[in-house]
């Protein structure tokens, strides 16, 4: 272990781990929204803030695509055609289904906040 003599800070760290035990779990140090995010990831929720793309379903007036939201309204972007480079944005409000320019219907689905 000749390299420990050349790097004193590394040597102190390794000796400190041996002397005081293992390093602490990062979950013990975080607080607030970051802790809730880590707990959601540990519980298996890969998208706790629900910001990843949602695949469109039938999107009819009777069966609209459900968009999860913990609030009464949400801004949503629809990529109407796969070969376009822009999204059509619209506001969705709780209990009011809305039709996009491409013909798909969307409605907010209430979920519990993080």
PDB file of N, CA and C in Angstrom:
ATOM      1  N   UNK A   1       0.821  -1.181   0.000  1.00  0.00           N
ATOM      2  CA  UNK A   1       0.000   0.000   0.000  1.00  0.00           C
ATOM      3  C   UNK A   1       0.873   1.256   0.000  1.00  0.00           C
ATOM      4  N   UNK A   2       1.839   1.277  -0.874  1.00  0.00           N
ATOM      5  CA  UNK A   2       2.755   2.401  -0.981  1.00  0.00           C
ATOM      6  C   UNK A   2       2.037   3.672  -1.415  1.00  0.00           C
ATOM      7  N   UNK A   3       0.950   3.531  -2.169  1.00  0.00           N
ATOM      8  CA  UNK A   3       0.252   4.702  -2.690  1.00  0.00           C
ATOM      9  C   UNK A   3      -0.506   5.446  -1.599  1.00  0.00           C
ATOM     10  N   UNK A   4      -0.784   4.804  -0.453  1.00  0.00           N
ATOM     11  CA  UNK A   4      -1.446   5.504   0.645  1.00  0.00           C
ATOM     12  C   UNK A   4      -0.546   6.566   1.257  1.00  0.00           C
ATOM     13  N   UNK A   5       0.775   6.316   1.243  1.00  0.00           N
ATOM     14  CA  UNK A   5       1.705   7.301   1.797  1.00  0.00           C
ATOM     15  C   UNK A   5       1.790   8.540   0.918  1.00  0.00           C
ATOM     16  N   UNK A   6       1.551   8.381  -0.384  1.00  0.00           N
ATOM     17  CA  UNK A   6       1.680   9.523  -1.288  1.00  0.00           C
ATOM     18  C   UNK A   6       0.439  10.419  -1.289  1.00  0.00           C
ATOM     19  N   UNK A   7      -0.708   9.910  -0.872  1.00  0.00           N
ATOM     20  CA  UNK A   7      -1.945  10.696  -0.849  1.00  0.00           C
ATOM     21  C   UNK A   7      -2.470  10.702   0.591  1.00  0.00           C
ATOM     22  N   UNK A   8      -2.095  11.705   1.397  1.00  0.00           N
ATOM     23  CA  UNK A   8      -2.472  11.692   2.814  1.00  0.00           C
ATOM     24  C   UNK A   8      -3.974  11.805   3.059  1.00  0.00           C
ATOM     25  N   UNK A   9      -4.699  12.573   2.231  1.00  0.00           N
ATOM     26  CA  UNK A   9      -6.132  12.715   2.469  1.00  0.00           C
ATOM     27  C   UNK A   9      -6.850  11.393   2.231  1.00  0.00           C
ATOM     28  N   UNK A  10      -6.417  10.625   1.218  1.00  0.00           N
ATOM     29  CA  UNK A  10      -7.007   9.321   0.955  1.00  0.00           C
ATOM     30  C   UNK A  10      -6.710   8.367   2.107  1.00  0.00           C
ATOM     31  N   UNK A  11      -5.504   8.455   2.647  1.00  0.00           N
ATOM     32  CA  UNK A  11      -5.122   7.597   3.766  1.00  0.00           C
ATOM     33  C   UNK A  11      -5.997   7.895   4.982  1.00  0.00           C
ATOM     34  N   UNK A  12      -6.253   9.187   5.259  1.00  0.00           N
ATOM     35  CA  UNK A  12      -7.097   9.547   6.389  1.00  0.00           C
ATOM     36  C   UNK A  12      -8.521   9.033   6.199  1.00  0.00           C
ATOM     37  N   UNK A  13      -9.015   9.094   4.974  1.00  0.00           N
ATOM     38  CA  UNK A  13     -10.370   8.626   4.700  1.00  0.00           C
ATOM     39  C   UNK A  13     -10.470   7.122   4.943  1.00  0.00           C
ATOM     40  N   UNK A  14      -9.534   6.368   4.410  1.00  0.00           N
ATOM     41  CA  UNK A  14      -9.563   4.917   4.573  1.00  0.00           C
ATOM     42  C   UNK A  14      -9.394   4.540   6.040  1.00  0.00           C
ATOM     43  N   UNK A  15      -8.485   5.202   6.748  1.00  0.00           N
ATOM     44  CA  UNK A  15      -8.290   4.919   8.166  1.00  0.00           C
ATOM     45  C   UNK A  15      -9.544   5.291   8.949  1.00  0.00           C
ATOM     46  N   UNK A  16     -10.202   6.413   8.591  1.00  0.00           N
ATOM     47  CA  UNK A  16     -11.421   6.827   9.270  1.00  0.00           C
ATOM     48  C   UNK A  16     -12.554   5.834   9.075  1.00  0.00           C
ATOM     49  N   UNK A  17     -12.658   5.252   7.875  1.00  0.00           N
ATOM     50  CA  UNK A  17     -13.696   4.260   7.626  1.00  0.00           C
ATOM     51  C   UNK A  17     -13.430   3.018   8.447  1.00  0.00           C
ATOM     52  N   UNK A  18     -12.176   2.601   8.527  1.00  0.00           N
ATOM     53  CA  UNK A  18     -11.835   1.417   9.321  1.00  0.00           C
ATOM     54  C   UNK A  18     -12.080   1.678  10.802  1.00  0.00           C
ATOM     55  N   UNK A  19     -11.762   2.879  11.247  1.00  0.00           N
ATOM     56  CA  UNK A  19     -11.853   3.189  12.664  1.00  0.00           C
ATOM     57  C   UNK A  19     -13.291   3.372  13.129  1.00  0.00           C
ATOM     58  N   UNK A  20     -14.096   4.080  12.350  1.00  0.00           N
ATOM     59  CA  UNK A  20     -15.446   4.420  12.781  1.00  0.00           C
ATOM     60  C   UNK A  20     -16.533   3.551  12.156  1.00  0.00           C
ATOM     61  N   UNK A  21     -16.210   2.649  11.303  1.00  0.00           N
ATOM     62  CA  UNK A  21     -17.206   1.788  10.674  1.00  0.00           C
ATOM     63  C   UNK A  21     -17.510   2.228   9.253  1.00  0.00           C
ATOM     64  N   UNK A  22     -18.603   1.736   8.718  1.00  0.00           N
ATOM     65  CA  UNK A  22     -18.962   2.015   7.328  1.00  0.00           C
ATOM     66  C   UNK A  22     -19.447   3.448   7.153  1.00  0.00           C
ATOM     67  N   UNK A  23     -19.473   3.888   5.904  1.00  0.00           N
ATOM     68  CA  UNK A  23     -19.981   5.221   5.593  1.00  0.00           C
ATOM     69  C   UNK A  23     -21.491   5.265   5.790  1.00  0.00           C
ATOM     70  N   UNK A  24     -22.025   6.442   6.013  1.00  0.00           N
ATOM     71  CA  UNK A  24     -23.454   6.597   6.247  1.00  0.00           C
ATOM     72  C   UNK A  24     -24.231   6.441   4.951  1.00  0.00           C
ATOM     73  N   UNK A  25     -25.473   6.066   5.100  1.00  0.00           N
ATOM     74  CA  UNK A  25     -26.383   5.945   3.970  1.00  0.00           C
ATOM     75  C   UNK A  25     -26.767   7.348   3.493  1.00  0.00           C
ATOM     76  N   UNK A  26     -26.755   7.632   2.184  1.00  0.00           N
ATOM     77  CA  UNK A  26     -27.128   8.973   1.705  1.00  0.00           C
ATOM     78  C   UNK A  26     -28.554   9.370   2.087  1.00  0.00           C
ATOM     79  N   UNK A  27     -29.421   8.393   2.286  1.00  0.00           N
ATOM     80  CA  UNK A  27     -30.805   8.679   2.657  1.00  0.00           C
ATOM     81  C   UNK A  27     -30.895   9.322   4.032  1.00  0.00           C
ATOM     82  N   UNK A  28     -29.895   9.104   4.883  1.00  0.00           N
ATOM     83  CA  UNK A  28     -29.887   9.717   6.215  1.00  0.00           C
ATOM     84  C   UNK A  28     -29.567  11.207   6.166  1.00  0.00           C
ATOM     85  N   UNK A  29     -28.961  11.664   5.083  1.00  0.00           N
ATOM     86  CA  UNK A  29     -28.489  13.046   5.015  1.00  0.00           C
ATOM     87  C   UNK A  29     -29.406  13.984   4.243  1.00  0.00           C
ATOM     88  N   UNK A  30     -30.236  13.445   3.353  1.00  0.00           N
ATOM     89  CA  UNK A  30     -31.080  14.320   2.532  1.00  0.00           C
ATOM     90  C   UNK A  30     -32.374  14.651   3.269  1.00  0.00           C
ATOM     91  N   UNK A  31     -32.972  15.780   2.893  1.00  0.00           N
ATOM     92  CA  UNK A  31     -34.237  16.209   3.491  1.00  0.00           C
ATOM     93  C   UNK A  31     -35.134  16.782   2.405  1.00  0.00           C
ATOM     94  N   UNK A  32     -36.365  17.035   2.742  1.00  0.00           N
ATOM     95  CA  UNK A  32     -37.295  17.735   1.859  1.00  0.00           C
ATOM     96  C   UNK A  32     -37.671  16.953   0.619  1.00  0.00           C
ATOM     97  N   UNK A  33     -37.782  17.673  -0.494  1.00  0.00           N
ATOM     98  CA  UNK A  33     -38.244  17.078  -1.748  1.00  0.00           C
ATOM     99  C   UNK A  33     -37.246  16.053  -2.274  1.00  0.00           C
ATOM    100  N   UNK A  34     -35.952  16.256  -2.012  1.00  0.00           N
ATOM    101  CA  UNK A  34     -34.950  15.299  -2.471  1.00  0.00           C
ATOM    102  C   UNK A  34     -35.121  13.958  -1.754  1.00  0.00           C
ATOM    103  N   UNK A  35     -35.448  13.983  -0.464  1.00  0.00           N
ATOM    104  CA  UNK A  35     -35.669  12.744   0.274  1.00  0.00           C
ATOM    105  C   UNK A  35     -36.916  12.031  -0.235  1.00  0.00           C
ATOM    106  N   UNK A  36     -37.981  12.789  -0.508  1.00  0.00           N
ATOM    107  CA  UNK A  36     -39.190  12.168  -1.035  1.00  0.00           C
ATOM    108  C   UNK A  36     -38.943  11.557  -2.410  1.00  0.00           C
ATOM    109  N   UNK A  37     -38.097  12.205  -3.205  1.00  0.00           N
ATOM    110  CA  UNK A  37     -37.758  11.659  -4.519  1.00  0.00           C
ATOM    111  C   UNK A  37     -36.977  10.360  -4.371  1.00  0.00           C
ATOM    112  N   UNK A  38     -35.994  10.320  -3.469  1.00  0.00           N
ATOM    113  CA  UNK A  38     -35.221   9.098  -3.246  1.00  0.00           C
ATOM    114  C   UNK A  38     -36.109   7.974  -2.720  1.00  0.00           C
ATOM    115  N   UNK A  39     -37.014   8.277  -1.805  1.00  0.00           N
ATOM    116  CA  UNK A  39     -37.928   7.252  -1.286  1.00  0.00           C
ATOM    117  C   UNK A  39     -38.841   6.721  -2.386  1.00  0.00           C
ATOM    118  N   UNK A  40     -39.278   7.586  -3.294  1.00  0.00           N
ATOM    119  CA  UNK A  40     -40.113   7.139  -4.413  1.00  0.00           C
ATOM    120  C   UNK A  40     -39.325   6.220  -5.340  1.00  0.00           C
ATOM    121  N   UNK A  41     -38.058   6.548  -5.593  1.00  0.00           N
ATOM    122  CA  UNK A  41     -37.222   5.687  -6.433  1.00  0.00           C
ATOM    123  C   UNK A  41     -37.010   4.331  -5.770  1.00  0.00           C
ATOM    124  N   UNK A  42     -36.802   4.320  -4.462  1.00  0.00           N
ATOM    125  CA  UNK A  42     -36.624   3.055  -3.748  1.00  0.00           C
ATOM    126  C   UNK A  42     -37.898   2.223  -3.745  1.00  0.00           C
ATOM    127  N   UNK A  43     -39.058   2.884  -3.787  1.00  0.00           N
ATOM    128  CA  UNK A  43     -40.332   2.176  -3.823  1.00  0.00           C
ATOM    129  C   UNK A  43     -40.664   1.659  -5.225  1.00  0.00           C
ATOM    130  N   UNK A  44     -39.859   2.007  -6.226  1.00  0.00           N
ATOM    131  CA  UNK A  44     -40.080   1.510  -7.575  1.00  0.00           C
ATOM    132  C   UNK A  44     -40.726   2.503  -8.517  1.00  0.00           C
ATOM    133  N   UNK A  45     -40.969   3.718  -8.084  1.00  0.00           N
ATOM    134  CA  UNK A  45     -41.561   4.751  -8.940  1.00  0.00           C
ATOM    135  C   UNK A  45     -40.434   5.403  -9.735  1.00  0.00           C
ATOM    136  N   UNK A  46     -40.349   5.096 -11.043  1.00  0.00           N
ATOM    137  CA  UNK A  46     -39.241   5.617 -11.850  1.00  0.00           C
ATOM    138  C   UNK A  46     -39.479   7.053 -12.322  1.00  0.00           C
ATOM    139  N   UNK A  47     -40.704   7.538 -12.241  1.00  0.00           N
ATOM    140  CA  UNK A  47     -41.032   8.895 -12.672  1.00  0.00           C
ATOM    141  C   UNK A  47     -41.883   9.571 -11.595  1.00  0.00           C
ATOM    142  N   UNK A  48     -41.278   9.932 -10.441  1.00  0.00           N
ATOM    143  CA  UNK A  48     -42.089  10.466  -9.346  1.00  0.00           C
ATOM    144  C   UNK A  48     -42.723  11.817  -9.646  1.00  0.00           C
ATOM    145  N   UNK A  49     -42.144  12.622 -10.528  1.00  0.00           N
ATOM    146  CA  UNK A  49     -42.705  13.933 -10.841  1.00  0.00           C
ATOM    147  C   UNK A  49     -43.603  13.901 -12.072  1.00  0.00           C
ATOM    148  N   UNK A  50     -43.762  12.745 -12.671  1.00  0.00           N
ATOM    149  CA  UNK A  50     -44.636  12.521 -13.825  1.00  0.00           C
ATOM    150  C   UNK A  50     -44.351  13.495 -14.968  1.00  0.00           C
ATOM    151  N   UNK A  51     -43.083  13.505 -15.388  1.00  0.00           N
ATOM    152  CA  UNK A  51     -42.688  14.402 -16.461  1.00  0.00           C
ATOM    153  C   UNK A  51     -42.258  13.651 -17.717  1.00  0.00           C
ATOM    154  N   UNK A  52     -42.203  12.333 -17.659  1.00  0.00           N
ATOM    155  CA  UNK A  52     -41.803  11.560 -18.832  1.00  0.00           C
ATOM    156  C   UNK A  52     -42.970  11.497 -19.823  1.00  0.00           C
ATOM    157  N   UNK A  53     -42.651  11.178 -21.050  1.00  0.00           N
ATOM    158  CA  UNK A  53     -43.663  11.117 -22.108  1.00  0.00           C
ATOM    159  C   UNK A  53     -44.666  10.005 -21.828  1.00  0.00           C
ATOM    160  N   UNK A  54     -45.917  10.265 -22.166  1.00  0.00           N
ATOM    161  CA  UNK A  54     -46.997   9.298 -21.990  1.00  0.00           C
ATOM    162  C   UNK A  54     -47.450   8.861 -23.371  1.00  0.00           C
ATOM    163  N   UNK A  55     -47.549   7.557 -23.573  1.00  0.00           N
ATOM    164  CA  UNK A  55     -48.013   7.065 -24.870  1.00  0.00           C
ATOM    165  C   UNK A  55     -49.510   7.318 -25.001  1.00  0.00           C
ATOM    166  N   UNK A  56     -49.898   7.766 -26.182  1.00  0.00           N
ATOM    167  CA  UNK A  56     -51.313   8.050 -26.421  1.00  0.00           C
ATOM    168  C   UNK A  56     -52.085   6.759 -26.609  1.00  0.00           C
ATOM    169  N   UNK A  57     -53.303   6.757 -26.064  1.00  0.00           N
ATOM    170  CA  UNK A  57     -54.203   5.622 -26.230  1.00  0.00           C
ATOM    171  C   UNK A  57     -55.219   5.926 -27.307  1.00  0.00           C
ATOM    172  N   UNK A  58     -56.469   5.472 -27.122  1.00  0.00           N
ATOM    173  CA  UNK A  58     -57.487   5.718 -28.147  1.00  0.00           C
ATOM    174  C   UNK A  58     -57.786   7.204 -28.329  1.00  0.00           C
ATOM    175  N   UNK A  59     -57.864   7.964 -27.249  1.00  0.00           N
ATOM    176  CA  UNK A  59     -58.033   9.406 -27.341  1.00  0.00           C
ATOM    177  C   UNK A  59     -59.338   9.871 -27.926  1.00  0.00           C
ATOM    178  N   UNK A  60     -60.415   9.134 -27.698  1.00  0.00           N
ATOM    179  CA  UNK A  60     -61.717   9.567 -28.189  1.00  0.00           C
ATOM    180  C   UNK A  60     -62.391  10.426 -27.129  1.00  0.00           C
ATOM    181  N   UNK A  61     -63.529  10.999 -27.478  1.00  0.00           N
ATOM    182  CA  UNK A  61     -64.262  11.840 -26.534  1.00  0.00           C
ATOM    183  C   UNK A  61     -64.768  11.011 -25.352  1.00  0.00           C
ATOM    184  N   UNK A  62     -65.165   9.753 -25.620  1.00  0.00           N
ATOM    185  CA  UNK A  62     -65.650   8.882 -24.555  1.00  0.00           C
ATOM    186  C   UNK A  62     -64.517   8.324 -23.704  1.00  0.00           C
ATOM    187  N   UNK A  63     -63.353   8.084 -24.304  1.00  0.00           N
ATOM    188  CA  UNK A  63     -62.190   7.524 -23.603  1.00  0.00           C
ATOM    189  C   UNK A  63     -60.959   8.398 -23.866  1.00  0.00           C
ATOM    190  N   UNK A  64     -60.864   9.550 -23.215  1.00  0.00           N
ATOM    191  CA  UNK A  64     -59.710  10.431 -23.458  1.00  0.00           C
ATOM    192  C   UNK A  64     -58.432   9.872 -22.835  1.00  0.00           C
ATOM    193  N   UNK A  65     -57.318  10.342 -23.323  1.00  0.00           N
ATOM    194  CA  UNK A  65     -56.031   9.979 -22.729  1.00  0.00           C
ATOM    195  C   UNK A  65     -55.932  10.664 -21.369  1.00  0.00           C
ATOM    196  N   UNK A  66     -55.608   9.895 -20.337  1.00  0.00           N
ATOM    197  CA  UNK A  66     -55.539  10.436 -18.987  1.00  0.00           C
ATOM    198  C   UNK A  66     -54.131  10.942 -18.697  1.00  0.00           C
ATOM    199  N   UNK A  67     -54.044  12.189 -18.261  1.00  0.00           N
ATOM    200  CA  UNK A  67     -52.785  12.834 -17.925  1.00  0.00           C
ATOM    201  C   UNK A  67     -52.747  13.025 -16.409  1.00  0.00           C
ATOM    202  N   UNK A  68     -51.789  12.406 -15.690  1.00  0.00           N
ATOM    203  CA  UNK A  68     -51.752  12.533 -14.231  1.00  0.00           C
ATOM    204  C   UNK A  68     -51.323  13.924 -13.792  1.00  0.00           C
ATOM    205  N   UNK A  69     -51.989  14.429 -12.751  1.00  0.00           N
ATOM    206  CA  UNK A  69     -51.633  15.730 -12.197  1.00  0.00           C
ATOM    207  C   UNK A  69     -52.086  15.806 -10.750  1.00  0.00           C
ATOM    208  N   UNK A  70     -51.255  16.418  -9.915  1.00  0.00           N
ATOM    209  CA  UNK A  70     -51.600  16.637  -8.514  1.00  0.00           C
ATOM    210  C   UNK A  70     -52.236  18.005  -8.318  1.00  0.00           C
ATOM    211  N   UNK A  71     -52.424  18.741  -9.389  1.00  0.00           N
ATOM    212  CA  UNK A  71     -52.959  20.096  -9.318  1.00  0.00           C
ATOM    213  C   UNK A  71     -54.238  20.202 -10.140  1.00  0.00           C
ATOM    214  N   UNK A  72     -54.909  21.337 -10.053  1.00  0.00           N
ATOM    215  CA  UNK A  72     -56.173  21.532 -10.759  1.00  0.00           C
ATOM    216  C   UNK A  72     -55.979  21.799 -12.249  1.00  0.00           C
ATOM    217  N   UNK A  73     -54.779  22.184 -12.659  1.00  0.00           N
ATOM    218  CA  UNK A  73     -54.513  22.412 -14.077  1.00  0.00           C
ATOM    219  C   UNK A  73     -53.062  22.041 -14.369  1.00  0.00           C
ATOM    220  N   UNK A  74     -52.800  21.751 -15.643  1.00  0.00           N
ATOM    221  CA  UNK A  74     -51.451  21.354 -16.053  1.00  0.00           C
ATOM    222  C   UNK A  74     -51.228  21.720 -17.506  1.00  0.00           C
ATOM    223  N   UNK A  75     -50.028  22.177 -17.812  1.00  0.00           N
ATOM    224  CA  UNK A  75     -49.635  22.459 -19.187  1.00  0.00           C
ATOM    225  C   UNK A  75     -49.144  21.166 -19.811  1.00  0.00           C
ATOM    226  N   UNK A  76     -49.668  20.838 -20.987  1.00  0.00           N
ATOM    227  CA  UNK A  76     -49.330  19.582 -21.632  1.00  0.00           C
ATOM    228  C   UNK A  76     -48.921  19.844 -23.068  1.00  0.00           C
ATOM    229  N   UNK A  77     -47.927  19.128 -23.537  1.00  0.00           N
ATOM    230  CA  UNK A  77     -47.483  19.238 -24.917  1.00  0.00           C
ATOM    231  C   UNK A  77     -47.775  17.955 -25.674  1.00  0.00           C
ATOM    232  N   UNK A  78     -48.356  18.076 -26.843  1.00  0.00           N
ATOM    233  CA  UNK A  78     -48.701  16.915 -27.681  1.00  0.00           C
ATOM    234  C   UNK A  78     -47.869  16.993 -28.962  1.00  0.00           C
ATOM    235  N   UNK A  79     -47.140  15.940 -29.242  1.00  0.00           N
ATOM    236  CA  UNK A  79     -46.421  15.850 -30.513  1.00  0.00           C
ATOM    237  C   UNK A  79     -47.387  15.190 -31.486  1.00  0.00           C
ATOM    238  N   UNK A  80     -48.061  16.014 -32.251  1.00  0.00           N
ATOM    239  CA  UNK A  80     -49.159  15.542 -33.098  1.00  0.00           C
ATOM    240  C   UNK A  80     -48.689  14.592 -34.197  1.00  0.00           C
ATOM    241  N   UNK A  81     -47.581  14.884 -34.817  1.00  0.00           N
ATOM    242  CA  UNK A  81     -47.050  14.050 -35.891  1.00  0.00           C
ATOM    243  C   UNK A  81     -45.623  13.678 -35.537  1.00  0.00           C
ATOM    244  N   UNK A  82     -45.259  12.402 -35.663  1.00  0.00           N
ATOM    245  CA  UNK A  82     -43.919  11.971 -35.234  1.00  0.00           C
ATOM    246  C   UNK A  82     -42.778  12.626 -36.015  1.00  0.00           C
ATOM    247  N   UNK A  83     -43.031  13.090 -37.232  1.00  0.00           N
ATOM    248  CA  UNK A  83     -41.956  13.689 -38.020  1.00  0.00           C
ATOM    249  C   UNK A  83     -41.814  15.199 -37.809  1.00  0.00           C
ATOM    250  N   UNK A  84     -42.649  15.794 -36.955  1.00  0.00           N
ATOM    251  CA  UNK A  84     -42.521  17.217 -36.652  1.00  0.00           C
ATOM    252  C   UNK A  84     -41.517  17.436 -35.530  1.00  0.00           C
ATOM    253  N   UNK A  85     -40.912  18.604 -35.512  1.00  0.00           N
ATOM    254  CA  UNK A  85     -39.918  18.936 -34.493  1.00  0.00           C
ATOM    255  C   UNK A  85     -40.457  19.831 -33.392  1.00  0.00           C
ATOM    256  N   UNK A  86     -41.746  20.004 -33.322  1.00  0.00           N
ATOM    257  CA  UNK A  86     -42.323  20.872 -32.292  1.00  0.00           C
ATOM    258  C   UNK A  86     -43.534  20.199 -31.655  1.00  0.00           C
ATOM    259  N   UNK A  87     -43.931  20.715 -30.511  1.00  0.00           N
ATOM    260  CA  UNK A  87     -45.087  20.187 -29.796  1.00  0.00           C
ATOM    261  C   UNK A  87     -46.169  21.260 -29.740  1.00  0.00           C
ATOM    262  N   UNK A  88     -47.407  20.811 -29.725  1.00  0.00           N
ATOM    263  CA  UNK A  88     -48.544  21.712 -29.542  1.00  0.00           C
ATOM    264  C   UNK A  88     -48.873  21.721 -28.056  1.00  0.00           C
ATOM    265  N   UNK A  89     -48.812  22.879 -27.425  1.00  0.00           N
ATOM    266  CA  UNK A  89     -49.046  22.997 -25.993  1.00  0.00           C
ATOM    267  C   UNK A  89     -50.465  23.477 -25.716  1.00  0.00           C
ATOM    268  N   UNK A  90     -51.044  22.959 -24.633  1.00  0.00           N
ATOM    269  CA  UNK A  90     -52.370  23.381 -24.213  1.00  0.00           C
ATOM    270  C   UNK A  90     -52.503  23.177 -22.711  1.00  0.00           C
ATOM    271  N   UNK A  91     -53.378  23.965 -22.099  1.00  0.00           N
ATOM    272  CA  UNK A  91     -53.667  23.840 -20.684  1.00  0.00           C
ATOM    273  C   UNK A  91     -54.811  22.866 -20.505  1.00  0.00           C
ATOM    274  N   UNK A  92     -54.634  21.923 -19.569  1.00  0.00           N
ATOM    275  CA  UNK A  92     -55.718  21.017 -19.197  1.00  0.00           C
ATOM    276  C   UNK A  92     -56.202  21.406 -17.812  1.00  0.00           C
ATOM    277  N   UNK A  93     -57.525  21.384 -17.620  1.00  0.00           N
ATOM    278  CA  UNK A  93     -58.122  21.719 -16.331  1.00  0.00           C
ATOM    279  C   UNK A  93     -58.899  20.511 -15.817  1.00  0.00           C
ATOM    280  N   UNK A  94     -58.955  20.382 -14.496  1.00  0.00           N
ATOM    281  CA  UNK A  94     -59.602  19.246 -13.846  1.00  0.00           C
ATOM    282  C   UNK A  94     -61.066  19.130 -14.260  1.00  0.00           C
ATOM    283  N   UNK A  95     -61.481  17.939 -14.732  1.00  0.00           N
ATOM    284  CA  UNK A  95     -62.876  17.676 -15.072  1.00  0.00           C
ATOM    285  C   UNK A  95     -63.317  18.174 -16.430  1.00  0.00           C
ATOM    286  N   UNK A  96     -62.421  18.768 -17.215  1.00  0.00           N
ATOM    287  CA  UNK A  96     -62.790  19.310 -18.526  1.00  0.00           C
ATOM    288  C   UNK A  96     -61.912  18.653 -19.587  1.00  0.00           C
ATOM    289  N   UNK A  97     -62.436  17.661 -20.332  1.00  0.00           N
ATOM    290  CA  UNK A  97     -61.633  17.070 -21.406  1.00  0.00           C
ATOM    291  C   UNK A  97     -61.370  18.097 -22.507  1.00  0.00           C
ATOM    292  N   UNK A  98     -60.219  17.986 -23.141  1.00  0.00           N
ATOM    293  CA  UNK A  98     -59.859  18.948 -24.183  1.00  0.00           C
ATOM    294  C   UNK A  98     -59.307  18.204 -25.393  1.00  0.00           C
ATOM    295  N   UNK A  99     -59.631  18.723 -26.564  1.00  0.00           N
ATOM    296  CA  UNK A  99     -59.201  18.110 -27.822  1.00  0.00           C
ATOM    297  C   UNK A  99     -58.011  18.869 -28.385  1.00  0.00           C
ATOM    298  N   UNK A 100     -57.002  18.128 -28.810  1.00  0.00           N
ATOM    299  CA  UNK A 100     -55.827  18.723 -29.447  1.00  0.00           C
ATOM    300  C   UNK A 100     -56.125  18.947 -30.932  1.00  0.00           C
ATOM    301  N   UNK A 101     -55.283  19.678 -31.601  1.00  0.00           N
ATOM    302  CA  UNK A 101     -55.456  19.937 -33.034  1.00  0.00           C
ATOM    303  C   UNK A 101     -55.357  18.683 -33.876  1.00  0.00           C
ATOM    304  N   UNK A 102     -54.685  17.652 -33.381  1.00  0.00           N
ATOM    305  CA  UNK A 102     -54.545  16.405 -34.140  1.00  0.00           C
ATOM    306  C   UNK A 102     -55.752  15.490 -33.983  1.00  0.00           C
ATOM    307  N   UNK A 103     -56.678  15.825 -33.070  1.00  0.00           N
ATOM    308  CA  UNK A 103     -57.891  15.046 -32.911  1.00  0.00           C
ATOM    309  C   UNK A 103     -57.934  14.192 -31.655  1.00  0.00           C
ATOM    310  N   UNK A 104     -56.843  14.067 -30.947  1.00  0.00           N
ATOM    311  CA  UNK A 104     -56.827  13.280 -29.710  1.00  0.00           C
ATOM    312  C   UNK A 104     -57.419  14.092 -28.560  1.00  0.00           C
ATOM    313  N   UNK A 105     -58.134  13.405 -27.665  1.00  0.00           N
ATOM    314  CA  UNK A 105     -58.714  14.037 -26.490  1.00  0.00           C
ATOM    315  C   UNK A 105     -57.859  13.719 -25.272  1.00  0.00           C
ATOM    316  N   UNK A 106     -57.758  14.688 -24.356  1.00  0.00           N
ATOM    317  CA  UNK A 106     -56.971  14.533 -23.127  1.00  0.00           C
ATOM    318  C   UNK A 106     -57.787  15.023 -21.942  1.00  0.00           C
ATOM    319  N   UNK A 107     -57.541  14.412 -20.770  1.00  0.00           N
ATOM    320  CA  UNK A 107     -58.216  14.820 -19.546  1.00  0.00           C
ATOM    321  C   UNK A 107     -57.280  14.587 -18.358  1.00  0.00           C
ATOM    322  N   UNK A 108     -57.365  15.471 -17.392  1.00  0.00           N
ATOM    323  CA  UNK A 108     -56.525  15.321 -16.197  1.00  0.00           C
ATOM    324  C   UNK A 108     -57.042  14.193 -15.315  1.00  0.00           C
ATOM    325  N   UNK A 109     -56.109  13.457 -14.769  1.00  0.00           N
ATOM    326  CA  UNK A 109     -56.409  12.364 -13.851  1.00  0.00           C
ATOM    327  C   UNK A 109     -55.767  12.723 -12.513  1.00  0.00           C
ATOM    328  N   UNK A 110     -56.549  12.896 -11.442  1.00  0.00           N
ATOM    329  CA  UNK A 110     -55.953  13.314 -10.155  1.00  0.00           C
ATOM    330  C   UNK A 110     -55.101  12.200  -9.549  1.00  0.00           C
ATOM    331  N   UNK A 111     -53.913  12.578  -9.079  1.00  0.00           N
ATOM    332  CA  UNK A 111     -53.014  11.676  -8.363  1.00  0.00           C
ATOM    333  C   UNK A 111     -52.543  12.370  -7.092  1.00  0.00           C
ATOM    334  N   UNK A 112     -52.055  11.607  -6.156  1.00  0.00           N
ATOM    335  CA  UNK A 112     -51.548  12.165  -4.912  1.00  0.00           C
ATOM    336  C   UNK A 112     -50.228  12.893  -5.165  1.00  0.00           C
ATOM    337  N   UNK A 113     -49.999  14.022  -4.509  1.00  0.00           N
ATOM    338  CA  UNK A 113     -48.725  14.725  -4.702  1.00  0.00           C
ATOM    339  C   UNK A 113     -47.575  13.944  -4.090  1.00  0.00           C
ATOM    340  N   UNK A 114     -46.381  14.243  -4.550  1.00  0.00           N
ATOM    341  CA  UNK A 114     -45.183  13.551  -4.053  1.00  0.00           C
ATOM    342  C   UNK A 114     -44.858  13.970  -2.675  1.00  0.00           C
TER     343      UNK A 114
END
